[in-house]
Amino acid sequence: MSTRSRLLFAAVLVAALATAALWWSSRTLAPAPTAARVAAAPAQAPVDEPAPSILHPITPSAAEPPLAASGIGAALTALMGQPAMANFLQVEDFPRRFVATVDNLGRAHAPPLLWPVLPTPGRFTVEEPAGGGSFIAADNSLRYAPLVALADSVSPARAVGLYIHMYPLLQQAYEELGYPKRYFNDRLIAVIDLLLATPEPAGPVPVRLTEVKGPIAPVRPWVRYEFADPALESLSSGQKIMLRVGPAHERRLKAKLAAFRQELLRTPTP
């Protein structure tokens, strides 16, 4: 892999890590994933379903060969060092993890076992004012500051350059995930648009303990929360991430996503 390709790979990886780690560090604001949900893959598209038109085609560069999956681990180790690899990354089957992560950001649930990163330390916190109710604690956003800064540091041009270099691997992984007639880049842009449309609450966001349903009551109460507003609770997993990081971080992440989208649509098409 050329030096330029390695720099591009580093840029897009940092963006992916920042987004995924944000989800992991806020994982206490959602019901625990069941084994069935974790194991489930996106539904297989019907065989006779017509292929939709490609809205945003990608043209990989002919100047260098496509990135080989077998070189991802070595390239990541060389770029980030062994400590970062051990502390953050799930390198095995990285293209599939990446496309599954993007796809799940636009869905109701994001199974943890499919993400390309390991859990990060820290716990979700709430405030319970004297007037009653529970709200996302104002200080909770401080946990995300390093990750948002990391995402801010990524060059959209370099990230898009690497994304295009990796695209054959990503498209193949997306098809194998259960979408043989779908185009991953169209899904990526659709998910970005969804995240950009995340509402921005004017004040503290109310939450409540997740109701545990079943004939047997748990010995200990659940310590997982959900949004008290049904409209917010019905948002996609990616939009819920944007709400959890706090309004200031949400605006910064939206600005980065908008810049990435603009750069992506600027790339040459066939």
C-alpha atoms as a PDB file:
ATOM      1  CA  MET A   1       0.000   0.000   0.000  1.00  0.00           C
ATOM      2  CA  SER A   2       1.370   3.434  -0.910  1.00  0.00           C
ATOM      3  CA  THR A   3       2.058   6.094   1.708  1.00  0.00           C
ATOM      4  CA  ARG A   4      -0.857   8.134   0.372  1.00  0.00           C
ATOM      5  CA  SER A   5      -3.214   5.183   0.695  1.00  0.00           C
ATOM      6  CA  ARG A   6      -2.102   4.579   4.266  1.00  0.00           C
ATOM      7  CA  LEU A   7      -2.797   8.186   5.193  1.00  0.00           C
ATOM      8  CA  LEU A   8      -6.235   7.947   3.631  1.00  0.00           C
ATOM      9  CA  PHE A   9      -6.926   4.704   5.432  1.00  0.00           C
ATOM     10  CA  ALA A  10      -5.956   6.325   8.725  1.00  0.00           C
ATOM     11  CA  ALA A  11      -8.329   9.224   8.105  1.00  0.00           C
ATOM     12  CA  VAL A  12     -11.401   7.147   7.386  1.00  0.00           C
ATOM     13  CA  LEU A  13     -10.584   4.741  10.199  1.00  0.00           C
ATOM     14  CA  VAL A  14     -10.422   7.566  12.740  1.00  0.00           C
ATOM     15  CA  ALA A  15     -13.857   8.754  11.616  1.00  0.00           C
ATOM     16  CA  ALA A  16     -15.294   5.260  11.927  1.00  0.00           C
ATOM     17  CA  LEU A  17     -13.705   4.727  15.339  1.00  0.00           C
ATOM     18  CA  ALA A  18     -15.012   8.006  16.685  1.00  0.00           C
ATOM     19  CA  THR A  19     -18.568   7.270  15.599  1.00  0.00           C
ATOM     20  CA  ALA A  20     -18.567   3.673  16.793  1.00  0.00           C
ATOM     21  CA  ALA A  21     -16.922   4.491  20.103  1.00  0.00           C
ATOM     22  CA  LEU A  22     -19.555   7.132  20.745  1.00  0.00           C
ATOM     23  CA  TRP A  23     -22.177   4.427  20.423  1.00  0.00           C
ATOM     24  CA  TRP A  24     -20.321   2.066  22.728  1.00  0.00           C
ATOM     25  CA  SER A  25     -19.776   4.652  25.432  1.00  0.00           C
ATOM     26  CA  SER A  26     -23.486   5.518  25.434  1.00  0.00           C
ATOM     27  CA  ARG A  27     -24.718   1.945  25.286  1.00  0.00           C
ATOM     28  CA  THR A  28     -26.523   2.206  28.651  1.00  0.00           C
ATOM     29  CA  LEU A  29     -29.217   4.332  27.018  1.00  0.00           C
ATOM     30  CA  ALA A  30     -30.801   1.406  25.194  1.00  0.00           C
ATOM     31  CA  PRO A  31     -32.259  -1.999  26.009  1.00  0.00           C
ATOM     32  CA  ALA A  32     -29.718  -4.795  26.183  1.00  0.00           C
ATOM     33  CA  PRO A  33     -29.406  -6.538  22.808  1.00  0.00           C
ATOM     34  CA  THR A  34     -30.786 -10.052  22.825  1.00  0.00           C
ATOM     35  CA  ALA A  35     -28.790 -12.941  21.450  1.00  0.00           C
ATOM     36  CA  ALA A  36     -31.191 -13.220  18.525  1.00  0.00           C
ATOM     37  CA  ARG A  37     -30.791  -9.558  17.689  1.00  0.00           C
ATOM     38  CA  VAL A  38     -27.007  -9.672  17.863  1.00  0.00           C
ATOM     39  CA  ALA A  39     -26.813 -12.702  15.629  1.00  0.00           C
ATOM     40  CA  ALA A  40     -29.308 -11.394  13.112  1.00  0.00           C
ATOM     41  CA  ALA A  41     -28.108 -10.018   9.790  1.00  0.00           C
ATOM     42  CA  PRO A  42     -30.112  -7.700   7.565  1.00  0.00           C
ATOM     43  CA  ALA A  43     -32.939  -9.523   5.845  1.00  0.00           C
ATOM     44  CA  GLN A  44     -32.126 -11.133   2.531  1.00  0.00           C
ATOM     45  CA  ALA A  45     -33.648  -9.215  -0.352  1.00  0.00           C
ATOM     46  CA  PRO A  46     -36.116 -11.225  -2.455  1.00  0.00           C
ATOM     47  CA  VAL A  47     -34.440 -12.886  -5.416  1.00  0.00           C
ATOM     48  CA  ASP A  48     -36.909 -11.381  -7.875  1.00  0.00           C
ATOM     49  CA  GLU A  49     -36.619  -7.862  -6.459  1.00  0.00           C
ATOM     50  CA  PRO A  50     -35.445  -5.490  -9.204  1.00  0.00           C
ATOM     51  CA  ALA A  51     -32.165  -3.714  -8.591  1.00  0.00           C
ATOM     52  CA  PRO A  52     -32.783  -0.032  -7.811  1.00  0.00           C
ATOM     53  CA  SER A  53     -31.039   2.610  -9.873  1.00  0.00           C
ATOM     54  CA  ILE A  54     -27.636   3.677  -8.548  1.00  0.00           C
ATOM     55  CA  LEU A  55     -27.943   7.278  -7.429  1.00  0.00           C
ATOM     56  CA  HIS A  56     -24.350   8.017  -6.425  1.00  0.00           C
ATOM     57  CA  PRO A  57     -21.867   5.809  -8.323  1.00  0.00           C
ATOM     58  CA  ILE A  58     -18.284   5.430  -7.122  1.00  0.00           C
ATOM     59  CA  THR A  59     -15.316   5.160  -9.481  1.00  0.00           C
ATOM     60  CA  PRO A  60     -12.237   3.576  -7.807  1.00  0.00           C
ATOM     61  CA  SER A  61      -8.948   5.081  -8.908  1.00  0.00           C
ATOM     62  CA  ALA A  62      -7.100   3.203 -11.640  1.00  0.00           C
ATOM     63  CA  ALA A  63      -3.763   4.596 -10.429  1.00  0.00           C
ATOM     64  CA  GLU A  64      -3.313   1.914  -7.763  1.00  0.00           C
ATOM     65  CA  PRO A  65      -4.740  -1.563  -7.182  1.00  0.00           C
ATOM     66  CA  PRO A  66      -7.719  -2.015  -4.827  1.00  0.00           C
ATOM     67  CA  LEU A  67      -6.923  -2.446  -1.157  1.00  0.00           C
ATOM     68  CA  ALA A  68      -6.610  -6.137  -0.243  1.00  0.00           C
ATOM     69  CA  ALA A  69      -8.444  -7.366   2.847  1.00  0.00           C
ATOM     70  CA  SER A  70      -5.366  -9.342   3.873  1.00  0.00           C
ATOM     71  CA  GLY A  71      -3.375  -6.127   4.262  1.00  0.00           C
ATOM     72  CA  ILE A  72      -5.774  -4.275   6.539  1.00  0.00           C
ATOM     73  CA  GLY A  73      -4.416  -5.602   9.846  1.00  0.00           C
ATOM     74  CA  ALA A  74      -0.770  -4.899   9.018  1.00  0.00           C
ATOM     75  CA  ALA A  75      -1.603  -1.453   7.684  1.00  0.00           C
ATOM     76  CA  LEU A  76      -3.579  -0.546  10.811  1.00  0.00           C
ATOM     77  CA  THR A  77      -0.803  -1.755  13.098  1.00  0.00           C
ATOM     78  CA  ALA A  78       1.794   0.237  11.164  1.00  0.00           C
ATOM     79  CA  LEU A  79      -0.336   3.349  11.238  1.00  0.00           C
ATOM     80  CA  MET A  80      -1.779   3.304  14.770  1.00  0.00           C
ATOM     81  CA  GLY A  81       0.587   1.097  16.737  1.00  0.00           C
ATOM     82  CA  GLN A  82      -0.101  -2.111  18.607  1.00  0.00           C
ATOM     83  CA  PRO A  83      -1.576  -0.448  21.754  1.00  0.00           C
ATOM     84  CA  ALA A  84      -4.288   1.275  19.717  1.00  0.00           C
ATOM     85  CA  MET A  85      -5.024  -1.955  17.894  1.00  0.00           C
ATOM     86  CA  ALA A  86      -5.414  -3.818  21.184  1.00  0.00           C
ATOM     87  CA  ASN A  87      -7.525  -1.154  22.865  1.00  0.00           C
ATOM     88  CA  PHE A  88      -9.895  -0.132  20.104  1.00  0.00           C
ATOM     89  CA  LEU A  89     -10.114  -2.271  17.007  1.00  0.00           C
ATOM     90  CA  GLN A  90     -11.887  -5.384  15.858  1.00  0.00           C
ATOM     91  CA  VAL A  91      -9.733  -5.978  12.773  1.00  0.00           C
ATOM     92  CA  GLU A  92     -11.154  -9.349  11.841  1.00  0.00           C
ATOM     93  CA  ASP A  93     -13.674  -9.019   9.001  1.00  0.00           C
ATOM     94  CA  PHE A  94     -13.286  -5.236   9.076  1.00  0.00           C
ATOM     95  CA  PRO A  95     -15.134  -4.440   5.790  1.00  0.00           C
ATOM     96  CA  ARG A  96     -18.221  -6.359   6.939  1.00  0.00           C
ATOM     97  CA  ARG A  97     -18.146  -4.671  10.330  1.00  0.00           C
ATOM     98  CA  PHE A  98     -17.821  -1.271   8.682  1.00  0.00           C
ATOM     99  CA  VAL A  99     -20.759  -1.675   6.288  1.00  0.00           C
ATOM    100  CA  ALA A 100     -22.903  -3.300   9.001  1.00  0.00           C
ATOM    101  CA  THR A 101     -22.182  -0.348  11.296  1.00  0.00           C
ATOM    102  CA  VAL A 102     -23.194   2.195   8.667  1.00  0.00           C
ATOM    103  CA  ASP A 103     -26.330   0.235   7.793  1.00  0.00           C
ATOM    104  CA  ASN A 104     -27.367  -0.182  11.433  1.00  0.00           C
ATOM    105  CA  LEU A 105     -26.976   3.533  12.168  1.00  0.00           C
ATOM    106  CA  GLY A 106     -30.077   3.976  10.047  1.00  0.00           C
ATOM    107  CA  ARG A 107     -32.023   1.239  11.845  1.00  0.00           C
ATOM    108  CA  ALA A 108     -33.596   0.839  15.272  1.00  0.00           C
ATOM    109  CA  HIS A 109     -30.842  -1.355  16.710  1.00  0.00           C
ATOM    110  CA  ALA A 110     -27.081  -1.577  16.282  1.00  0.00           C
ATOM    111  CA  PRO A 111     -25.881  -5.037  17.456  1.00  0.00           C
ATOM    112  CA  PRO A 112     -22.645  -4.517  19.423  1.00  0.00           C
ATOM    113  CA  LEU A 113     -20.952  -7.639  18.108  1.00  0.00           C
ATOM    114  CA  LEU A 114     -21.019  -6.222  14.587  1.00  0.00           C
ATOM    115  CA  TRP A 115     -19.173  -2.998  15.405  1.00  0.00           C
ATOM    116  CA  PRO A 116     -15.490  -2.555  14.446  1.00  0.00           C
ATOM    117  CA  VAL A 117     -14.425  -1.328  17.895  1.00  0.00           C
ATOM    118  CA  LEU A 118     -14.144  -2.682  21.409  1.00  0.00           C
ATOM    119  CA  PRO A 119     -16.115  -1.208  24.353  1.00  0.00           C
ATOM    120  CA  THR A 120     -14.760   2.030  25.757  1.00  0.00           C
ATOM    121  CA  PRO A 121     -14.743   2.967  29.458  1.00  0.00           C
ATOM    122  CA  GLY A 122     -17.229   5.323  31.055  1.00  0.00           C
ATOM    123  CA  ARG A 123     -20.862   5.206  32.076  1.00  0.00           C
ATOM    124  CA  PHE A 124     -23.953   7.079  30.997  1.00  0.00           C
ATOM    125  CA  THR A 125     -25.183   9.456  33.725  1.00  0.00           C
ATOM    126  CA  VAL A 126     -28.508  11.139  34.474  1.00  0.00           C
ATOM    127  CA  GLU A 127     -29.698  14.025  36.607  1.00  0.00           C
ATOM    128  CA  GLU A 128     -32.795  13.878  38.808  1.00  0.00           C
ATOM    129  CA  PRO A 129     -33.759  17.447  39.775  1.00  0.00           C
ATOM    130  CA  ALA A 130     -35.975  18.198  42.741  1.00  0.00           C
ATOM    131  CA  GLY A 131     -38.904  18.894  40.431  1.00  0.00           C
ATOM    132  CA  GLY A 132     -38.957  15.239  39.370  1.00  0.00           C
ATOM    133  CA  GLY A 133     -38.001  13.253  36.303  1.00  0.00           C
ATOM    134  CA  SER A 134     -34.661  12.053  34.938  1.00  0.00           C
ATOM    135  CA  PHE A 135     -32.603  13.851  32.320  1.00  0.00           C
ATOM    136  CA  ILE A 136     -29.344  13.216  30.490  1.00  0.00           C
ATOM    137  CA  ALA A 137     -26.731  14.816  32.732  1.00  0.00           C
ATOM    138  CA  ALA A 138     -25.097  17.961  31.371  1.00  0.00           C
ATOM    139  CA  ASP A 139     -21.651  16.628  32.285  1.00  0.00           C
ATOM    140  CA  ASN A 140     -22.317  13.469  30.301  1.00  0.00           C
ATOM    141  CA  SER A 141     -21.170  15.238  27.128  1.00  0.00           C
ATOM    142  CA  LEU A 142     -17.665  15.673  28.565  1.00  0.00           C
ATOM    143  CA  ARG A 143     -17.022  11.953  28.040  1.00  0.00           C
ATOM    144  CA  TYR A 144     -17.400  12.418  24.301  1.00  0.00           C
ATOM    145  CA  ALA A 145     -15.120  15.449  23.892  1.00  0.00           C
ATOM    146  CA  PRO A 146     -11.964  13.498  22.932  1.00  0.00           C
ATOM    147  CA  LEU A 147     -13.864  11.401  20.417  1.00  0.00           C
ATOM    148  CA  VAL A 148     -15.571  14.393  18.823  1.00  0.00           C
ATOM    149  CA  ALA A 149     -12.202  16.147  18.614  1.00  0.00           C
ATOM    150  CA  LEU A 150     -10.814  13.039  16.933  1.00  0.00           C
ATOM    151  CA  ALA A 151     -13.588  13.102  14.337  1.00  0.00           C
ATOM    152  CA  ASP A 152     -13.016  16.836  13.866  1.00  0.00           C
ATOM    153  CA  SER A 153      -9.381  16.210  12.997  1.00  0.00           C
ATOM    154  CA  VAL A 154     -10.180  13.987  10.012  1.00  0.00           C
ATOM    155  CA  SER A 155      -9.758  15.572   6.580  1.00  0.00           C
ATOM    156  CA  PRO A 156     -12.927  14.936   4.534  1.00  0.00           C
ATOM    157  CA  ALA A 157     -10.892  14.884   1.322  1.00  0.00           C
ATOM    158  CA  ARG A 158      -8.520  12.229   2.647  1.00  0.00           C
ATOM    159  CA  ALA A 159     -11.335  10.204   4.171  1.00  0.00           C
ATOM    160  CA  VAL A 160     -13.245  10.176   0.893  1.00  0.00           C
ATOM    161  CA  GLY A 161     -10.082   9.306  -1.012  1.00  0.00           C
ATOM    162  CA  LEU A 162      -9.533   6.215   1.076  1.00  0.00           C
ATOM    163  CA  TYR A 163     -13.199   5.312   1.023  1.00  0.00           C
ATOM    164  CA  ILE A 164     -13.050   5.209  -2.766  1.00  0.00           C
ATOM    165  CA  HIS A 165      -9.863   3.132  -2.603  1.00  0.00           C
ATOM    166  CA  MET A 166     -11.613   0.662  -0.286  1.00  0.00           C
ATOM    167  CA  TYR A 167     -14.937   0.692  -2.078  1.00  0.00           C
ATOM    168  CA  PRO A 168     -14.699  -2.679  -3.900  1.00  0.00           C
ATOM    169  CA  LEU A 169     -14.219  -4.415  -0.520  1.00  0.00           C
ATOM    170  CA  LEU A 170     -17.069  -2.481   1.033  1.00  0.00           C
ATOM    171  CA  GLN A 171     -19.498  -3.158  -1.801  1.00  0.00           C
ATOM    172  CA  GLN A 172     -18.678  -6.865  -1.705  1.00  0.00           C
ATOM    173  CA  ALA A 173     -19.206  -6.957   2.056  1.00  0.00           C
ATOM    174  CA  TYR A 174     -22.528  -5.136   1.703  1.00  0.00           C
ATOM    175  CA  GLU A 175     -23.790  -7.617  -0.864  1.00  0.00           C
ATOM    176  CA  GLU A 176     -22.713 -10.545   1.319  1.00  0.00           C
ATOM    177  CA  LEU A 177     -24.514  -8.960   4.259  1.00  0.00           C
ATOM    178  CA  GLY A 178     -27.814  -9.558   2.512  1.00  0.00           C
ATOM    179  CA  TYR A 179     -28.125  -6.870  -0.153  1.00  0.00           C
ATOM    180  CA  PRO A 180     -26.995  -8.433  -3.452  1.00  0.00           C
ATOM    181  CA  LYS A 181     -28.838  -5.828  -5.521  1.00  0.00           C
ATOM    182  CA  ARG A 182     -28.122  -2.768  -3.405  1.00  0.00           C
ATOM    183  CA  TYR A 183     -25.395  -0.149  -3.707  1.00  0.00           C
ATOM    184  CA  PHE A 184     -23.543   0.618  -0.477  1.00  0.00           C
ATOM    185  CA  ASN A 185     -22.589   4.190  -1.339  1.00  0.00           C
ATOM    186  CA  ASP A 186     -26.263   5.079  -1.779  1.00  0.00           C
ATOM    187  CA  ARG A 187     -26.951   3.601   1.661  1.00  0.00           C
ATOM    188  CA  LEU A 188     -24.074   5.577   3.193  1.00  0.00           C
ATOM    189  CA  ILE A 189     -25.380   8.879   1.849  1.00  0.00           C
ATOM    190  CA  ALA A 190     -28.924   8.036   2.966  1.00  0.00           C
ATOM    191  CA  VAL A 191     -27.672   7.325   6.518  1.00  0.00           C
ATOM    192  CA  ILE A 192     -25.652  10.552   6.566  1.00  0.00           C
ATOM    193  CA  ASP A 193     -28.793  12.466   5.546  1.00  0.00           C
ATOM    194  CA  LEU A 194     -30.700  10.739   8.339  1.00  0.00           C
ATOM    195  CA  LEU A 195     -28.088  11.742  10.907  1.00  0.00           C
ATOM    196  CA  LEU A 196     -28.085  15.324   9.641  1.00  0.00           C
ATOM    197  CA  ALA A 197     -31.859  15.396  10.165  1.00  0.00           C
ATOM    198  CA  THR A 198     -31.530  14.507  13.871  1.00  0.00           C
ATOM    199  CA  PRO A 199     -33.580  16.976  15.957  1.00  0.00           C
ATOM    200  CA  GLU A 200     -31.797  19.313  18.346  1.00  0.00           C
ATOM    201  CA  PRO A 201     -33.740  19.535  21.650  1.00  0.00           C
ATOM    202  CA  ALA A 202     -33.921  23.009  23.148  1.00  0.00           C
ATOM    203  CA  GLY A 203     -33.293  21.821  26.709  1.00  0.00           C
ATOM    204  CA  PRO A 204     -32.306  18.816  28.829  1.00  0.00           C
ATOM    205  CA  VAL A 205     -33.443  15.520  27.311  1.00  0.00           C
ATOM    206  CA  PRO A 206     -35.742  13.469  29.599  1.00  0.00           C
ATOM    207  CA  VAL A 207     -35.108   9.734  29.941  1.00  0.00           C
ATOM    208  CA  ARG A 208     -36.657   6.902  31.914  1.00  0.00           C
ATOM    209  CA  LEU A 209     -35.683   3.439  33.040  1.00  0.00           C
ATOM    210  CA  THR A 210     -36.382   0.772  30.466  1.00  0.00           C
ATOM    211  CA  GLU A 211     -39.443  -1.267  31.405  1.00  0.00           C
ATOM    212  CA  VAL A 212     -38.656  -4.937  31.986  1.00  0.00           C
ATOM    213  CA  LYS A 213     -41.501  -7.050  30.641  1.00  0.00           C
ATOM    214  CA  GLY A 214     -42.087 -10.651  31.604  1.00  0.00           C
ATOM    215  CA  PRO A 215     -43.703 -12.859  34.245  1.00  0.00           C
ATOM    216  CA  ILE A 216     -40.645 -12.857  36.525  1.00  0.00           C
ATOM    217  CA  ALA A 217     -39.462  -9.605  38.067  1.00  0.00           C
ATOM    218  CA  PRO A 218     -35.675  -9.077  38.064  1.00  0.00           C
ATOM    219  CA  VAL A 219     -33.819  -9.308  41.362  1.00  0.00           C
ATOM    220  CA  ARG A 220     -32.091  -6.002  40.641  1.00  0.00           C
ATOM    221  CA  PRO A 221     -33.660  -3.087  38.750  1.00  0.00           C
ATOM    222  CA  TRP A 222     -32.378  -2.486  35.239  1.00  0.00           C
ATOM    223  CA  VAL A 223     -29.989   0.431  34.919  1.00  0.00           C
ATOM    224  CA  ARG A 224     -30.688   1.050  31.259  1.00  0.00           C
ATOM    225  CA  TYR A 225     -32.512   4.086  30.022  1.00  0.00           C
ATOM    226  CA  GLU A 226     -34.643   5.078  27.069  1.00  0.00           C
ATOM    227  CA  PHE A 227     -35.889   8.441  25.867  1.00  0.00           C
ATOM    228  CA  ALA A 228     -39.073   9.498  27.625  1.00  0.00           C
ATOM    229  CA  ASP A 229     -40.329  11.279  24.498  1.00  0.00           C
ATOM    230  CA  PRO A 230     -41.791   8.617  22.149  1.00  0.00           C
ATOM    231  CA  ALA A 231     -40.726  10.687  19.136  1.00  0.00           C
ATOM    232  CA  LEU A 232     -37.099  10.573  20.249  1.00  0.00           C
ATOM    233  CA  GLU A 233     -37.262   6.924  21.263  1.00  0.00           C
ATOM    234  CA  SER A 234     -38.505   6.060  17.763  1.00  0.00           C
ATOM    235  CA  LEU A 235     -35.406   7.561  16.110  1.00  0.00           C
ATOM    236  CA  SER A 236     -32.747   5.369  14.542  1.00  0.00           C
ATOM    237  CA  SER A 237     -29.795   4.150  16.591  1.00  0.00           C
ATOM    238  CA  GLY A 238     -27.530   6.665  14.844  1.00  0.00           C
ATOM    239  CA  GLN A 239     -29.828   9.589  15.574  1.00  0.00           C
ATOM    240  CA  LYS A 240     -29.953   8.564  19.234  1.00  0.00           C
ATOM    241  CA  ILE A 241     -26.172   8.735  19.307  1.00  0.00           C
ATOM    242  CA  MET A 242     -26.326  12.314  18.059  1.00  0.00           C
ATOM    243  CA  LEU A 243     -28.712  13.218  20.893  1.00  0.00           C
ATOM    244  CA  ARG A 244     -26.640  11.541  23.593  1.00  0.00           C
ATOM    245  CA  VAL A 245     -23.434  13.417  22.872  1.00  0.00           C
ATOM    246  CA  GLY A 246     -25.009  16.767  23.729  1.00  0.00           C
ATOM    247  CA  PRO A 247     -26.069  19.726  21.549  1.00  0.00           C
ATOM    248  CA  ALA A 248     -22.602  21.233  21.080  1.00  0.00           C
ATOM    249  CA  HIS A 249     -21.045  17.936  20.021  1.00  0.00           C
ATOM    250  CA  GLU A 250     -24.073  17.147  17.855  1.00  0.00           C
ATOM    251  CA  ARG A 251     -23.536  20.342  15.871  1.00  0.00           C
ATOM    252  CA  ARG A 252     -19.823  19.593  15.411  1.00  0.00           C
ATOM    253  CA  LEU A 253     -20.515  16.055  14.236  1.00  0.00           C
ATOM    254  CA  LYS A 254     -23.181  17.293  11.840  1.00  0.00           C
ATOM    255  CA  ALA A 255     -20.721  19.799  10.374  1.00  0.00           C
ATOM    256  CA  LYS A 256     -18.186  17.003   9.818  1.00  0.00           C
ATOM    257  CA  LEU A 257     -20.798  14.732   8.265  1.00  0.00           C
ATOM    258  CA  ALA A 258     -21.983  17.524   5.954  1.00  0.00           C
ATOM    259  CA  ALA A 259     -18.403  18.174   4.839  1.00  0.00           C
ATOM    260  CA  PHE A 260     -17.849  14.473   4.210  1.00  0.00           C
ATOM    261  CA  ARG A 261     -21.073  14.251   2.210  1.00  0.00           C
ATOM    262  CA  GLN A 262     -20.156  17.288   0.115  1.00  0.00           C
ATOM    263  CA  GLU A 263     -16.718  15.861  -0.646  1.00  0.00           C
ATOM    264  CA  LEU A 264     -18.182  12.465  -1.477  1.00  0.00           C
ATOM    265  CA  LEU A 265     -20.656  13.903  -3.983  1.00  0.00           C
ATOM    266  CA  ARG A 266     -17.878  15.914  -5.566  1.00  0.00           C
ATOM    267  CA  THR A 267     -15.995  12.774  -6.633  1.00  0.00           C
ATOM    268  CA  PRO A 268     -15.932  11.914 -10.351  1.00  0.00           C
ATOM    269  CA  THR A 269     -18.588   9.526 -11.641  1.00  0.00           C
ATOM    270  CA  PRO A 270     -18.470   7.226 -14.672  1.00  0.00           C
END
